[in-house]
C-alpha atoms as a PDB file:
ATOM      1  CA  MET A   1     -24.203 -20.599  14.326  1.00  0.00           C
ATOM      2  CA  ASN A   2     -23.528 -17.505  12.417  1.00  0.00           C
ATOM      3  CA  ASN A   3     -22.354 -16.891   9.051  1.00  0.00           C
ATOM      4  CA  SER A   4     -18.779 -16.309   9.978  1.00  0.00           C
ATOM      5  CA  SER A   5     -18.466 -19.386  12.081  1.00  0.00           C
ATOM      6  CA  GLU A   6     -19.907 -21.502   9.038  1.00  0.00           C
ATOM      7  CA  GLN A   7     -17.428 -19.868   6.753  1.00  0.00           C
ATOM      8  CA  PHE A   8     -14.361 -20.670   9.142  1.00  0.00           C
ATOM      9  CA  ASP A   9     -15.419 -24.229   9.111  1.00  0.00           C
ATOM     10  CA  VAL A  10     -15.162 -24.219   5.326  1.00  0.00           C
ATOM     11  CA  LEU A  11     -11.853 -22.264   5.314  1.00  0.00           C
ATOM     12  CA  SER A  12     -10.636 -24.879   7.900  1.00  0.00           C
ATOM     13  CA  ASN A  13     -11.345 -27.836   5.785  1.00  0.00           C
ATOM     14  CA  ALA A  14      -9.577 -26.097   2.893  1.00  0.00           C
ATOM     15  CA  LEU A  15      -6.465 -25.443   5.269  1.00  0.00           C
ATOM     16  CA  ARG A  16      -6.506 -29.144   5.972  1.00  0.00           C
ATOM     17  CA  VAL A  17      -6.728 -30.407   2.349  1.00  0.00           C
ATOM     18  CA  LEU A  18      -3.985 -28.131   0.946  1.00  0.00           C
ATOM     19  CA  PRO A  19      -0.820 -29.578   3.022  1.00  0.00           C
ATOM     20  CA  GLU A  20      -2.421 -33.235   2.402  1.00  0.00           C
ATOM     21  CA  GLU A  21      -2.449 -32.627  -1.243  1.00  0.00           C
ATOM     22  CA  MET A  22       1.314 -31.382  -1.256  1.00  0.00           C
ATOM     23  CA  LEU A  23       2.312 -34.518   0.827  1.00  0.00           C
ATOM     24  CA  ARG A  24       0.582 -36.729  -1.738  1.00  0.00           C
ATOM     25  CA  LEU A  25       2.605 -35.221  -4.514  1.00  0.00           C
ATOM     26  CA  ASN A  26       5.412 -37.745  -4.127  1.00  0.00           C
ATOM     27  CA  TYR A  27       2.701 -40.668  -4.575  1.00  0.00           C
ATOM     28  CA  PHE A  28       1.723 -39.108  -8.136  1.00  0.00           C
ATOM     29  CA  LEU A  29       5.499 -38.639  -9.018  1.00  0.00           C
ATOM     30  CA  LYS A  30       6.879 -42.004  -7.982  1.00  0.00           C
ATOM     31  CA  GLU A  31       3.795 -44.465  -7.498  1.00  0.00           C
ATOM     32  CA  VAL A  32       1.449 -43.771 -10.691  1.00  0.00           C
ATOM     33  CA  ASN A  33       3.809 -41.614 -12.602  1.00  0.00           C
ATOM     34  CA  ASP A  34       1.230 -38.902 -12.927  1.00  0.00           C
ATOM     35  CA  PRO A  35       2.757 -35.507 -12.029  1.00  0.00           C
ATOM     36  CA  GLU A  36      -0.052 -33.482 -13.695  1.00  0.00           C
ATOM     37  CA  GLU A  37      -2.804 -35.085 -11.374  1.00  0.00           C
ATOM     38  CA  GLY A  38      -0.536 -34.136  -8.311  1.00  0.00           C
ATOM     39  CA  ILE A  39       0.247 -30.737  -9.391  1.00  0.00           C
ATOM     40  CA  SER A  40      -3.352 -29.934 -10.442  1.00  0.00           C
ATOM     41  CA  ASN A  41      -4.589 -31.083  -7.138  1.00  0.00           C
ATOM     42  CA  ILE A  42      -2.111 -28.827  -5.145  1.00  0.00           C
ATOM     43  CA  GLU A  43      -3.252 -25.776  -7.356  1.00  0.00           C
ATOM     44  CA  ILE A  44      -6.890 -26.480  -6.867  1.00  0.00           C
ATOM     45  CA  ALA A  45      -6.426 -26.986  -3.227  1.00  0.00           C
ATOM     46  CA  CYS A  46      -4.546 -23.671  -3.097  1.00  0.00           C
ATOM     47  CA  ALA A  47      -7.034 -21.750  -5.031  1.00  0.00           C
ATOM     48  CA  ASN A  48      -9.883 -23.047  -2.682  1.00  0.00           C
ATOM     49  CA  VAL A  49      -8.048 -21.538   0.383  1.00  0.00           C
ATOM     50  CA  PHE A  50      -7.514 -18.363  -1.392  1.00  0.00           C
ATOM     51  CA  ASN A  51     -11.592 -18.272  -2.182  1.00  0.00           C
ATOM     52  CA  GLN A  52     -12.282 -19.462   1.235  1.00  0.00           C
ATOM     53  CA  LEU A  53     -10.188 -16.787   2.940  1.00  0.00           C
ATOM     54  CA  TYR A  54     -11.768 -14.165   0.503  1.00  0.00           C
ATOM     55  CA  GLY A  55     -15.384 -15.551   1.571  1.00  0.00           C
ATOM     56  CA  MET A  56     -14.427 -15.401   5.188  1.00  0.00           C
ATOM     57  CA  MET A  57     -13.540 -11.608   4.849  1.00  0.00           C
ATOM     58  CA  CYS A  58     -16.392 -10.624   2.981  1.00  0.00           C
ATOM     59  CA  THR A  59     -18.603 -12.337   5.506  1.00  0.00           C
ATOM     60  CA  LEU A  60     -16.987 -10.567   8.354  1.00  0.00           C
ATOM     61  CA  LYS A  61     -17.603  -7.278   6.340  1.00  0.00           C
ATOM     62  CA  ASP A  62     -21.122  -8.183   5.712  1.00  0.00           C
ATOM     63  CA  GLY A  63     -21.427  -8.528   9.269  1.00  0.00           C
ATOM     64  CA  GLY A  64     -20.032  -5.215  10.154  1.00  0.00           C
ATOM     65  CA  HIS A  65     -16.994  -6.622  11.870  1.00  0.00           C
ATOM     66  CA  THR A  66     -14.542  -4.829   9.442  1.00  0.00           C
ATOM     67  CA  ASN A  67     -14.826  -1.838   7.243  1.00  0.00           C
ATOM     68  CA  SER A  68     -12.611  -3.582   4.633  1.00  0.00           C
ATOM     69  CA  ILE A  69     -11.194  -7.010   3.626  1.00  0.00           C
ATOM     70  CA  TYR A  70      -7.981  -5.386   3.125  1.00  0.00           C
ATOM     71  CA  GLU A  71      -6.990  -4.122   6.550  1.00  0.00           C
ATOM     72  CA  HIS A  72      -4.051  -6.578   7.100  1.00  0.00           C
ATOM     73  CA  GLN A  73      -0.781  -6.939   5.089  1.00  0.00           C
ATOM     74  CA  ALA A  74      -0.731 -10.831   4.887  1.00  0.00           C
ATOM     75  CA  ILE A  75      -4.447 -11.161   4.436  1.00  0.00           C
ATOM     76  CA  THR A  76      -4.189  -8.538   1.632  1.00  0.00           C
ATOM     77  CA  ALA A  77      -1.343 -10.281  -0.297  1.00  0.00           C
ATOM     78  CA  ILE A  78      -3.494 -13.586  -0.280  1.00  0.00           C
ATOM     79  CA  LEU A  79      -6.678 -11.799  -1.449  1.00  0.00           C
ATOM     80  CA  CYS A  80      -4.589 -10.041  -4.219  1.00  0.00           C
ATOM     81  CA  MET A  81      -3.160 -13.589  -5.186  1.00  0.00           C
ATOM     82  CA  ARG A  82      -6.764 -14.772  -5.508  1.00  0.00           C
ATOM     83  CA  HIS A  83      -7.756 -11.839  -7.575  1.00  0.00           C
ATOM     84  CA  VAL A  84      -4.972 -12.266 -10.137  1.00  0.00           C
ATOM     85  CA  LEU A  85      -5.869 -15.965 -10.267  1.00  0.00           C
ATOM     86  CA  GLN A  86      -9.599 -14.981 -10.810  1.00  0.00           C
ATOM     87  CA  HIS A  87      -9.100 -12.393 -13.524  1.00  0.00           C
ATOM     88  CA  LYS A  88      -6.041 -13.576 -15.241  1.00  0.00           C
ATOM     89  CA  ALA A  89      -6.283 -16.438 -17.719  1.00  0.00           C
ATOM     90  CA  GLY A  90      -4.689 -19.668 -16.959  1.00  0.00           C
ATOM     91  CA  ARG A  91      -3.332 -21.367 -13.817  1.00  0.00           C
ATOM     92  CA  ILE A  92      -1.349 -20.305 -10.734  1.00  0.00           C
ATOM     93  CA  LYS A  93       2.167 -19.873 -12.239  1.00  0.00           C
ATOM     94  CA  ASN A  94       4.130 -22.148  -9.924  1.00  0.00           C
ATOM     95  CA  ASN A  95       7.431 -23.883  -9.560  1.00  0.00           C
ATOM     96  CA  LEU A  96       6.137 -27.399  -9.820  1.00  0.00           C
ATOM     97  CA  ARG A  97       4.364 -26.899 -13.149  1.00  0.00           C
ATOM     98  CA  ASP A  98       7.401 -24.792 -14.641  1.00  0.00           C
ATOM     99  CA  ALA A  99       9.529 -27.773 -13.745  1.00  0.00           C
ATOM    100  CA  PHE A 100       7.065 -30.206 -15.168  1.00  0.00           C
ATOM    101  CA  ARG A 101       7.032 -28.258 -18.430  1.00  0.00           C
ATOM    102  CA  ASN A 102      10.801 -27.628 -18.339  1.00  0.00           C
ATOM    103  CA  GLU A 103      10.133 -23.818 -18.572  1.00  0.00           C
ATOM    104  CA  ALA A 104      11.941 -23.172 -15.362  1.00  0.00           C
ATOM    105  CA  GLN A 105      15.344 -21.308 -15.691  1.00  0.00           C
ATOM    106  CA  LYS A 106      18.281 -23.132 -14.338  1.00  0.00           C
ATOM    107  CA  ASN A 107      19.009 -19.940 -12.327  1.00  0.00           C
ATOM    108  CA  LEU A 108      15.912 -19.882 -10.305  1.00  0.00           C
ATOM    109  CA  ALA A 109      15.581 -19.114  -6.547  1.00  0.00           C
ATOM    110  CA  LEU A 110      13.004 -20.397  -4.068  1.00  0.00           C
ATOM    111  CA  ILE A 111      12.324 -17.966  -1.361  1.00  0.00           C
ATOM    112  CA  ASN A 112      11.467 -19.334   2.198  1.00  0.00           C
ATOM    113  CA  TYR A 113      10.247 -17.080   4.803  1.00  0.00           C
ATOM    114  CA  ASN A 114      10.644 -17.338   8.526  1.00  0.00           C
ATOM    115  CA  ALA A 115      13.788 -19.178   7.646  1.00  0.00           C
ATOM    116  CA  SER A 116      15.405 -19.313  10.980  1.00  0.00           C
ATOM    117  CA  ASP A 117      12.378 -20.802  12.692  1.00  0.00           C
ATOM    118  CA  GLU A 118      13.043 -24.341  13.067  1.00  0.00           C
ATOM    119  CA  GLY A 119       9.492 -25.313  13.425  1.00  0.00           C
ATOM    120  CA  VAL A 120       8.481 -24.073   9.870  1.00  0.00           C
ATOM    121  CA  VAL A 121       7.735 -27.121   7.706  1.00  0.00           C
ATOM    122  CA  ILE A 122       8.855 -26.183   4.086  1.00  0.00           C
ATOM    123  CA  MET A 123       6.368 -27.394   1.458  1.00  0.00           C
ATOM    124  CA  PRO A 124       7.274 -27.824  -2.288  1.00  0.00           C
ATOM    125  CA  PHE A 125       4.706 -25.313  -3.695  1.00  0.00           C
ATOM    126  CA  TYR A 126       5.981 -21.924  -4.617  1.00  0.00           C
ATOM    127  CA  ILE A 127       4.119 -19.052  -6.654  1.00  0.00           C
ATOM    128  CA  SER A 128       5.974 -17.115  -9.373  1.00  0.00           C
ATOM    129  CA  THR A 129       6.865 -13.621  -8.020  1.00  0.00           C
ATOM    130  CA  SER A 130       6.490 -12.232 -11.534  1.00  0.00           C
ATOM    131  CA  TRP A 131       3.324 -13.827 -12.075  1.00  0.00           C
ATOM    132  CA  LEU A 132       2.256 -12.125  -8.905  1.00  0.00           C
ATOM    133  CA  GLN A 133       3.550  -8.660  -9.657  1.00  0.00           C
ATOM    134  CA  GLU A 134       2.476  -8.451 -13.325  1.00  0.00           C
ATOM    135  CA  GLY A 135      -1.018  -9.704 -12.207  1.00  0.00           C
ATOM    136  CA  ILE A 136      -1.308  -7.254  -9.626  1.00  0.00           C
ATOM    137  CA  GLN A 137      -0.066  -4.445 -11.486  1.00  0.00           C
ATOM    138  CA  SER A 138      -2.506  -5.039 -14.329  1.00  0.00           C
ATOM    139  CA  SER A 139      -5.764  -5.351 -12.067  1.00  0.00           C
ATOM    140  CA  ASN A 140      -7.595  -2.904 -10.004  1.00  0.00           C
ATOM    141  CA  ASN A 141      -5.441  -3.746  -7.155  1.00  0.00           C
ATOM    142  CA  SER A 142      -2.434  -2.124  -8.565  1.00  0.00           C
ATOM    143  CA  ASN A 143      -2.455   0.485  -5.922  1.00  0.00           C
ATOM    144  CA  ARG A 144      -1.861  -2.159  -3.376  1.00  0.00           C
ATOM    145  CA  LEU A 145       1.307  -3.485  -5.198  1.00  0.00           C
ATOM    146  CA  PRO A 146       3.806  -1.312  -3.387  1.00  0.00           C
ATOM    147  CA  LEU A 147       2.338  -2.337   0.008  1.00  0.00           C
ATOM    148  CA  ILE A 148       2.498  -6.076  -0.781  1.00  0.00           C
ATOM    149  CA  ASN A 149       5.991  -5.612  -2.322  1.00  0.00           C
ATOM    150  CA  SER A 150       7.116  -4.124   0.920  1.00  0.00           C
ATOM    151  CA  TYR A 151       5.586  -6.616   2.965  1.00  0.00           C
ATOM    152  CA  LEU A 152       7.272  -9.396   0.969  1.00  0.00           C
ATOM    153  CA  ASN A 153      10.473  -7.646   1.297  1.00  0.00           C
ATOM    154  CA  LEU A 154      11.033  -7.895  -2.569  1.00  0.00           C
ATOM    155  CA  SER A 155      13.263  -4.953  -2.795  1.00  0.00           C
ATOM    156  CA  GLN A 156      15.763  -6.378  -0.382  1.00  0.00           C
ATOM    157  CA  ILE A 157      15.244 -10.209  -1.927  1.00  0.00           C
ATOM    158  CA  GLU A 158      15.822  -8.468  -5.452  1.00  0.00           C
ATOM    159  CA  ILE A 159      19.269  -7.074  -4.359  1.00  0.00           C
ATOM    160  CA  ASP A 160      20.282 -10.544  -2.781  1.00  0.00           C
ATOM    161  CA  LEU A 161      19.198 -12.148  -5.923  1.00  0.00           C
ATOM    162  CA  GLY A 162      21.157  -9.649  -8.123  1.00  0.00           C
ATOM    163  CA  ASN A 163      24.313 -10.584  -5.937  1.00  0.00           C
ATOM    164  CA  LEU A 164      23.779 -14.141  -7.096  1.00  0.00           C
ATOM    165  CA  SER A 165      23.044 -13.162 -10.796  1.00  0.00           C
ATOM    166  CA  ILE A 166      19.371 -14.316 -10.721  1.00  0.00           C
ATOM    167  CA  PRO A 167      16.685 -11.969 -11.697  1.00  0.00           C
ATOM    168  CA  LEU A 168      13.656 -11.505  -9.390  1.00  0.00           C
ATOM    169  CA  SER A 169      11.560 -12.564 -12.308  1.00  0.00           C
ATOM    170  CA  ASN A 170      13.216 -16.238 -11.909  1.00  0.00           C
ATOM    171  CA  SER A 171      12.257 -16.358  -8.165  1.00  0.00           C
ATOM    172  CA  TYR A 172       9.181 -18.223  -6.595  1.00  0.00           C
ATOM    173  CA  LEU A 173       7.651 -17.407  -3.019  1.00  0.00           C
ATOM    174  CA  GLY A 174       6.818 -20.175  -0.607  1.00  0.00           C
ATOM    175  CA  ILE A 175       3.139 -20.018  -0.202  1.00  0.00           C
ATOM    176  CA  MET A 176       2.470 -21.742   3.061  1.00  0.00           C
ATOM    177  CA  PRO A 177       4.070 -19.155   5.470  1.00  0.00           C
ATOM    178  CA  LEU A 178       2.051 -16.405   3.719  1.00  0.00           C
ATOM    179  CA  ILE A 179      -1.180 -18.572   4.240  1.00  0.00           C
ATOM    180  CA  THR A 180      -0.265 -19.273   7.846  1.00  0.00           C
ATOM    181  CA  GLU A 181       0.467 -15.506   8.713  1.00  0.00           C
ATOM    182  CA  ALA A 182      -2.918 -14.532   6.824  1.00  0.00           C
ATOM    183  CA  VAL A 183      -4.925 -17.097   8.860  1.00  0.00           C
ATOM    184  CA  ARG A 184      -3.064 -16.051  12.133  1.00  0.00           C
ATOM    185  CA  GLN A 185      -4.063 -12.289  11.424  1.00  0.00           C
ATOM    186  CA  LEU A 186      -7.608 -13.544  10.744  1.00  0.00           C
ATOM    187  CA  CYS A 187      -7.817 -15.383  14.180  1.00  0.00           C
ATOM    188  CA  VAL A 188      -6.152 -12.719  16.228  1.00  0.00           C
ATOM    189  CA  ASN A 189      -7.961  -9.727  14.688  1.00  0.00           C
ATOM    190  CA  TYR A 190     -11.333 -11.099  14.014  1.00  0.00           C
ATOM    191  CA  GLY A 191     -11.510 -14.101  16.158  1.00  0.00           C
ATOM    192  CA  THR A 192     -14.238 -12.935  18.560  1.00  0.00           C
ATOM    193  CA  PHE A 193     -16.691 -12.563  15.858  1.00  0.00           C
ATOM    194  CA  PHE A 194     -16.919 -16.423  14.925  1.00  0.00           C
ATOM    195  CA  LYS A 195     -16.621 -19.785  16.829  1.00  0.00           C
ATOM    196  CA  PRO A 196     -15.106 -22.747  15.651  1.00  0.00           C
ATOM    197  CA  THR A 197     -17.398 -25.670  15.687  1.00  0.00           C
ATOM    198  CA  GLY A 198     -16.480 -28.317  13.528  1.00  0.00           C
ATOM    199  CA  PHE A 199     -13.210 -30.589  14.132  1.00  0.00           C
ATOM    200  CA  ASP A 200     -10.896 -29.010  11.693  1.00  0.00           C
ATOM    201  CA  SER A 201     -11.960 -25.542  12.570  1.00  0.00           C
ATOM    202  CA  LYS A 202     -11.382 -25.964  16.385  1.00  0.00           C
ATOM    203  CA  VAL A 203      -8.026 -27.524  15.668  1.00  0.00           C
ATOM    204  CA  TYR A 204      -7.086 -24.730  13.066  1.00  0.00           C
ATOM    205  CA  TYR A 205      -8.657 -21.937  15.400  1.00  0.00           C
ATOM    206  CA  THR A 206      -6.362 -22.645  18.491  1.00  0.00           C
ATOM    207  CA  HIS A 207      -3.348 -23.389  16.218  1.00  0.00           C
ATOM    208  CA  PHE A 208      -3.250 -20.103  14.410  1.00  0.00           C
ATOM    209  CA  LEU A 209      -4.338 -18.091  17.357  1.00  0.00           C
ATOM    210  CA  ASN A 210      -1.289 -19.130  19.175  1.00  0.00           C
ATOM    211  CA  ALA A 211       1.044 -19.385  16.097  1.00  0.00           C
ATOM    212  CA  ASN A 212       4.127 -17.136  15.992  1.00  0.00           C
ATOM    213  CA  GLU A 213       4.148 -14.306  13.624  1.00  0.00           C
ATOM    214  CA  ILE A 214       5.558 -15.018  10.322  1.00  0.00           C
ATOM    215  CA  ASN A 215       8.471 -12.534   9.783  1.00  0.00           C
ATOM    216  CA  THR A 216       9.024 -11.706   6.049  1.00  0.00           C
ATOM    217  CA  GLN A 217      12.103 -10.007   6.844  1.00  0.00           C
ATOM    218  CA  ASP A 218      13.626 -13.489   7.794  1.00  0.00           C
ATOM    219  CA  TYR A 219      14.145 -15.399   4.706  1.00  0.00           C
ATOM    220  CA  ALA A 220      16.294 -17.806   2.812  1.00  0.00           C
ATOM    221  CA  ILE A 221      17.068 -18.079  -0.626  1.00  0.00           C
ATOM    222  CA  ALA A 222      17.466 -21.669  -2.338  1.00  0.00           C
ATOM    223  CA  ASN A 223      18.947 -22.113  -5.668  1.00  0.00           C
END
């Protein structure tokens, strides 16, 4: 088994754990009255997905299968999120923790991509748009920010939010569709260079290889 196959097994395990932790949040909120534990578990699981996707792309590059880990928009967006988390002190700034700390503005907005796809399951974890933009702008990935803004359709979203009197800085982006598209791009563009061997990786490889493309032009604003 090559290194890329091993790394995809690890990534697949991380992909399974993240939604499981999101679904367990209700248990921590209502059954044991410990929202901090539930939120922290989600943050850790999300960071692990970021790290394993980064590891996957680095392994593919080291194997000579790609010239850059930043060749595709969705993958680039996730890798830049990871970079912000790695190099900016603190946690992922997200809607759950902001609400828990009573720091979230009343006029906030949650952005759901692929909104017209009835098969998309909305998960409760959203990442702060301002945290992402400011973090990328102050990093050595700042040259990638215009591309990411364009990919996430943030100019149009900002206009739509303005019509609702909500600043873009008060918005949060649904993370699961973005992760879905990044892994779909991974499987579609590099799937010939690794072989799923574990239970998780076999399930996820088939799922993402055949998943519909996430359309970031198709979004809904919940406020």
